Amino acid sequence: MTAQYVLFLVFGVILYVIVTDANVAKAFDYVLKLVNTNIRKEVWWLKNNPANPVVKYMMYRKNLKLAKELRAKINKHLEAKE
C-alpha cells in the first residue's frame, strides 16, 4: 500500500501544478503530443522499414506484380508492331 500512496502523492502534486499554472499545462500538453508523435513515427518505421522481412516480402510481391503487368504491356506493344 505504501507504493500506491507514494504514486498517489506524486500524481497529486503533478495535477496540482498543472491546474494552478497555465504554462505547465501547455508544456504537459506539448509533451503528450511529442510522445504521441514519436510513437506514431516508430510504428510507421516498423511498418515500412525495408529491413523488416515482412515488408521485404510485401515489396517483393508488389514488384513482381508490377513486373508482370509491364511485361504484358511490352509484349502487347511488340505484337502490335509486327
N, C-alpha and C. Protein backbone atom coordinates (compact mmCIF):
# COMPACT_ATOMS: atom_id res chain seq x y z
N MET A 1 0.81 -1.20 0.00
CA MET A 1 0.00 0.00 0.00
C MET A 1 0.86 1.26 0.00
N THR A 2 2.07 1.19 0.48
CA THR A 2 2.91 2.37 0.56
C THR A 2 3.25 2.90 -0.84
N ALA A 3 3.52 2.01 -1.76
CA ALA A 3 3.84 2.44 -3.12
C ALA A 3 2.65 3.14 -3.75
N GLN A 4 1.46 2.66 -3.47
CA GLN A 4 0.25 3.29 -4.00
C GLN A 4 0.10 4.71 -3.47
N TYR A 5 0.38 4.89 -2.18
CA TYR A 5 0.29 6.23 -1.59
C TYR A 5 1.33 7.17 -2.18
N VAL A 6 2.52 6.65 -2.41
CA VAL A 6 3.59 7.47 -2.99
C VAL A 6 3.20 7.90 -4.40
N LEU A 7 2.71 6.96 -5.21
CA LEU A 7 2.27 7.30 -6.56
C LEU A 7 1.11 8.29 -6.53
N PHE A 8 0.18 8.07 -5.61
CA PHE A 8 -0.95 8.99 -5.48
C PHE A 8 -0.47 10.39 -5.12
N LEU A 9 0.51 10.49 -4.24
CA LEU A 9 1.07 11.78 -3.85
C LEU A 9 1.79 12.44 -5.03
N VAL A 10 2.57 11.67 -5.78
CA VAL A 10 3.30 12.22 -6.93
C VAL A 10 2.32 12.74 -7.98
N PHE A 11 1.33 11.93 -8.33
CA PHE A 11 0.35 12.37 -9.32
C PHE A 11 -0.49 13.53 -8.81
N GLY A 12 -0.76 13.56 -7.52
CA GLY A 12 -1.49 14.67 -6.94
C GLY A 12 -0.72 15.98 -7.05
N VAL A 13 0.57 15.93 -6.79
CA VAL A 13 1.40 17.13 -6.90
C VAL A 13 1.48 17.58 -8.36
N ILE A 14 1.65 16.64 -9.27
CA ILE A 14 1.71 16.98 -10.69
C ILE A 14 0.39 17.60 -11.13
N LEU A 15 -0.72 17.02 -10.75
CA LEU A 15 -2.03 17.55 -11.11
C LEU A 15 -2.23 18.95 -10.51
N TYR A 16 -1.79 19.17 -9.28
CA TYR A 16 -1.92 20.47 -8.65
C TYR A 16 -1.13 21.53 -9.42
N VAL A 17 0.09 21.19 -9.83
CA VAL A 17 0.92 22.15 -10.57
C VAL A 17 0.31 22.43 -11.94
N ILE A 18 -0.24 21.42 -12.58
CA ILE A 18 -0.87 21.61 -13.90
C ILE A 18 -2.09 22.51 -13.78
N VAL A 19 -2.88 22.30 -12.77
CA VAL A 19 -4.12 23.09 -12.61
C VAL A 19 -3.80 24.53 -12.24
N THR A 20 -2.79 24.76 -11.44
CA THR A 20 -2.51 26.11 -10.96
C THR A 20 -1.73 26.98 -11.94
N ASP A 21 -0.93 26.36 -12.81
CA ASP A 21 -0.11 27.16 -13.72
C ASP A 21 -0.44 26.79 -15.17
N ALA A 22 -0.85 27.78 -15.95
CA ALA A 22 -1.25 27.54 -17.34
C ALA A 22 -0.05 27.12 -18.20
N ASN A 23 1.12 27.66 -17.92
CA ASN A 23 2.31 27.30 -18.70
C ASN A 23 2.68 25.84 -18.51
N VAL A 24 2.52 25.34 -17.31
CA VAL A 24 2.81 23.93 -17.06
C VAL A 24 1.80 23.06 -17.80
N ALA A 25 0.54 23.50 -17.84
CA ALA A 25 -0.47 22.75 -18.57
C ALA A 25 -0.14 22.71 -20.06
N LYS A 26 0.32 23.83 -20.62
CA LYS A 26 0.71 23.87 -22.03
C LYS A 26 1.92 22.96 -22.28
N ALA A 27 2.87 23.00 -21.36
CA ALA A 27 4.05 22.16 -21.51
C ALA A 27 3.68 20.68 -21.42
N PHE A 28 2.77 20.35 -20.51
CA PHE A 28 2.32 18.96 -20.37
C PHE A 28 1.61 18.51 -21.64
N ASP A 29 0.78 19.38 -22.22
CA ASP A 29 0.09 19.07 -23.47
C ASP A 29 1.11 18.88 -24.60
N TYR A 30 2.11 19.74 -24.65
CA TYR A 30 3.17 19.62 -25.66
C TYR A 30 3.92 18.30 -25.52
N VAL A 31 4.25 17.93 -24.32
CA VAL A 31 4.99 16.68 -24.09
C VAL A 31 4.14 15.48 -24.51
N LEU A 32 2.85 15.51 -24.20
CA LEU A 32 1.98 14.41 -24.62
C LEU A 32 1.90 14.31 -26.14
N LYS A 33 1.80 15.45 -26.82
CA LYS A 33 1.78 15.44 -28.29
C LYS A 33 3.11 14.93 -28.85
N LEU A 34 4.21 15.33 -28.23
CA LEU A 34 5.52 14.88 -28.66
C LEU A 34 5.67 13.37 -28.50
N VAL A 35 5.23 12.84 -27.38
CA VAL A 35 5.29 11.39 -27.16
C VAL A 35 4.41 10.66 -28.17
N ASN A 36 3.22 11.19 -28.42
CA ASN A 36 2.31 10.58 -29.39
C ASN A 36 2.95 10.56 -30.78
N THR A 37 3.57 11.66 -31.16
CA THR A 37 4.22 11.74 -32.47
C THR A 37 5.37 10.76 -32.58
N ASN A 38 6.17 10.64 -31.53
CA ASN A 38 7.30 9.70 -31.56
C ASN A 38 6.82 8.25 -31.64
N ILE A 39 5.73 7.93 -30.95
CA ILE A 39 5.18 6.58 -31.02
C ILE A 39 4.68 6.29 -32.43
N ARG A 40 3.97 7.25 -33.02
CA ARG A 40 3.47 7.07 -34.38
C ARG A 40 4.62 6.93 -35.38
N LYS A 41 5.71 7.67 -35.15
CA LYS A 41 6.89 7.57 -36.02
C LYS A 41 7.50 6.18 -35.94
N GLU A 42 7.63 5.65 -34.75
CA GLU A 42 8.21 4.32 -34.56
C GLU A 42 7.34 3.24 -35.20
N VAL A 43 6.02 3.37 -35.05
CA VAL A 43 5.11 2.40 -35.66
C VAL A 43 5.22 2.47 -37.18
N TRP A 44 5.28 3.69 -37.72
CA TRP A 44 5.43 3.84 -39.17
C TRP A 44 6.73 3.19 -39.62
N TRP A 45 7.80 3.39 -38.87
CA TRP A 45 9.10 2.84 -39.25
C TRP A 45 9.06 1.31 -39.21
N LEU A 46 8.39 0.74 -38.23
CA LEU A 46 8.30 -0.72 -38.17
C LEU A 46 7.49 -1.27 -39.35
N LYS A 47 6.48 -0.53 -39.77
CA LYS A 47 5.65 -0.99 -40.88
C LYS A 47 6.31 -0.79 -42.24
N ASN A 48 7.24 0.14 -42.37
CA ASN A 48 7.83 0.48 -43.67
C ASN A 48 9.33 0.27 -43.76
N ASN A 49 9.95 -0.26 -42.75
CA ASN A 49 11.39 -0.47 -42.76
C ASN A 49 11.75 -1.61 -43.70
N PRO A 50 12.58 -1.36 -44.72
CA PRO A 50 12.92 -2.43 -45.65
C PRO A 50 13.73 -3.56 -45.03
N ALA A 51 14.27 -3.36 -43.86
CA ALA A 51 15.00 -4.45 -43.20
C ALA A 51 14.05 -5.46 -42.55
N ASN A 52 12.78 -5.09 -42.42
CA ASN A 52 11.78 -5.98 -41.85
C ASN A 52 11.43 -7.05 -42.88
N PRO A 53 11.52 -8.34 -42.53
CA PRO A 53 11.28 -9.39 -43.52
C PRO A 53 9.85 -9.38 -44.08
N VAL A 54 8.88 -9.01 -43.27
CA VAL A 54 7.50 -8.96 -43.76
C VAL A 54 7.37 -7.86 -44.81
N VAL A 55 7.98 -6.72 -44.55
CA VAL A 55 7.92 -5.61 -45.50
C VAL A 55 8.68 -6.00 -46.78
N LYS A 56 9.80 -6.69 -46.62
CA LYS A 56 10.54 -7.15 -47.80
C LYS A 56 9.66 -8.04 -48.67
N TYR A 57 8.95 -8.96 -48.05
CA TYR A 57 8.09 -9.87 -48.79
C TYR A 57 6.97 -9.10 -49.50
N MET A 58 6.37 -8.14 -48.80
CA MET A 58 5.29 -7.36 -49.41
C MET A 58 5.82 -6.55 -50.59
N MET A 59 7.01 -5.97 -50.46
CA MET A 59 7.61 -5.22 -51.56
C MET A 59 7.93 -6.15 -52.73
N TYR A 60 8.41 -7.34 -52.42
CA TYR A 60 8.73 -8.32 -53.46
C TYR A 60 7.47 -8.68 -54.25
N ARG A 61 6.38 -8.97 -53.54
CA ARG A 61 5.13 -9.34 -54.22
C ARG A 61 4.60 -8.18 -55.06
N LYS A 62 4.68 -6.97 -54.52
CA LYS A 62 4.21 -5.79 -55.26
C LYS A 62 5.04 -5.59 -56.52
N ASN A 63 6.35 -5.70 -56.41
CA ASN A 63 7.22 -5.52 -57.57
C ASN A 63 7.06 -6.64 -58.58
N LEU A 64 6.81 -7.86 -58.11
CA LEU A 64 6.58 -8.97 -59.01
C LEU A 64 5.31 -8.75 -59.83
N LYS A 65 4.26 -8.27 -59.17
CA LYS A 65 3.00 -7.98 -59.87
C LYS A 65 3.21 -6.87 -60.90
N LEU A 66 3.94 -5.83 -60.51
CA LEU A 66 4.21 -4.73 -61.44
C LEU A 66 5.03 -5.21 -62.63
N ALA A 67 6.00 -6.08 -62.39
CA ALA A 67 6.83 -6.60 -63.48
C ALA A 67 5.98 -7.42 -64.45
N LYS A 68 5.05 -8.21 -63.94
CA LYS A 68 4.18 -8.99 -64.83
C LYS A 68 3.30 -8.07 -65.68
N GLU A 69 2.77 -7.02 -65.06
CA GLU A 69 1.93 -6.08 -65.80
C GLU A 69 2.75 -5.36 -66.89
N LEU A 70 3.95 -4.94 -66.55
CA LEU A 70 4.79 -4.26 -67.53
C LEU A 70 5.20 -5.20 -68.65
N ARG A 71 5.53 -6.46 -68.31
CA ARG A 71 5.90 -7.43 -69.34
C ARG A 71 4.72 -7.67 -70.29
N ALA A 72 3.51 -7.73 -69.76
CA ALA A 72 2.32 -7.92 -70.61
C ALA A 72 2.13 -6.72 -71.53
N LYS A 73 2.33 -5.52 -71.04
CA LYS A 73 2.19 -4.32 -71.87
C LYS A 73 3.27 -4.27 -72.95
N ILE A 74 4.49 -4.63 -72.58
CA ILE A 74 5.59 -4.62 -73.56
C ILE A 74 5.31 -5.65 -74.65
N ASN A 75 4.88 -6.87 -74.26
CA ASN A 75 4.58 -7.90 -75.25
C ASN A 75 3.43 -7.46 -76.17
N LYS A 76 2.43 -6.84 -75.59
CA LYS A 76 1.29 -6.35 -76.39
C LYS A 76 1.77 -5.28 -77.38
N HIS A 77 2.64 -4.40 -76.94
CA HIS A 77 3.17 -3.35 -77.81
C HIS A 77 4.02 -3.95 -78.93
N LEU A 78 4.84 -4.95 -78.60
CA LEU A 78 5.70 -5.59 -79.61
C LEU A 78 4.86 -6.36 -80.62
N GLU A 79 3.79 -6.98 -80.18
CA GLU A 79 2.91 -7.72 -81.10
C GLU A 79 2.19 -6.77 -82.03
N ALA A 80 1.85 -5.60 -81.53
CA ALA A 80 1.15 -4.60 -82.35
C ALA A 80 2.07 -4.06 -83.44
N LYS A 81 3.38 -4.02 -83.21
CA LYS A 81 4.34 -3.52 -84.19
C LYS A 81 4.49 -4.51 -85.35
N GLU A 82 4.35 -5.79 -85.06
CA GLU A 82 4.59 -6.83 -86.08
C GLU A 82 3.48 -6.92 -87.04
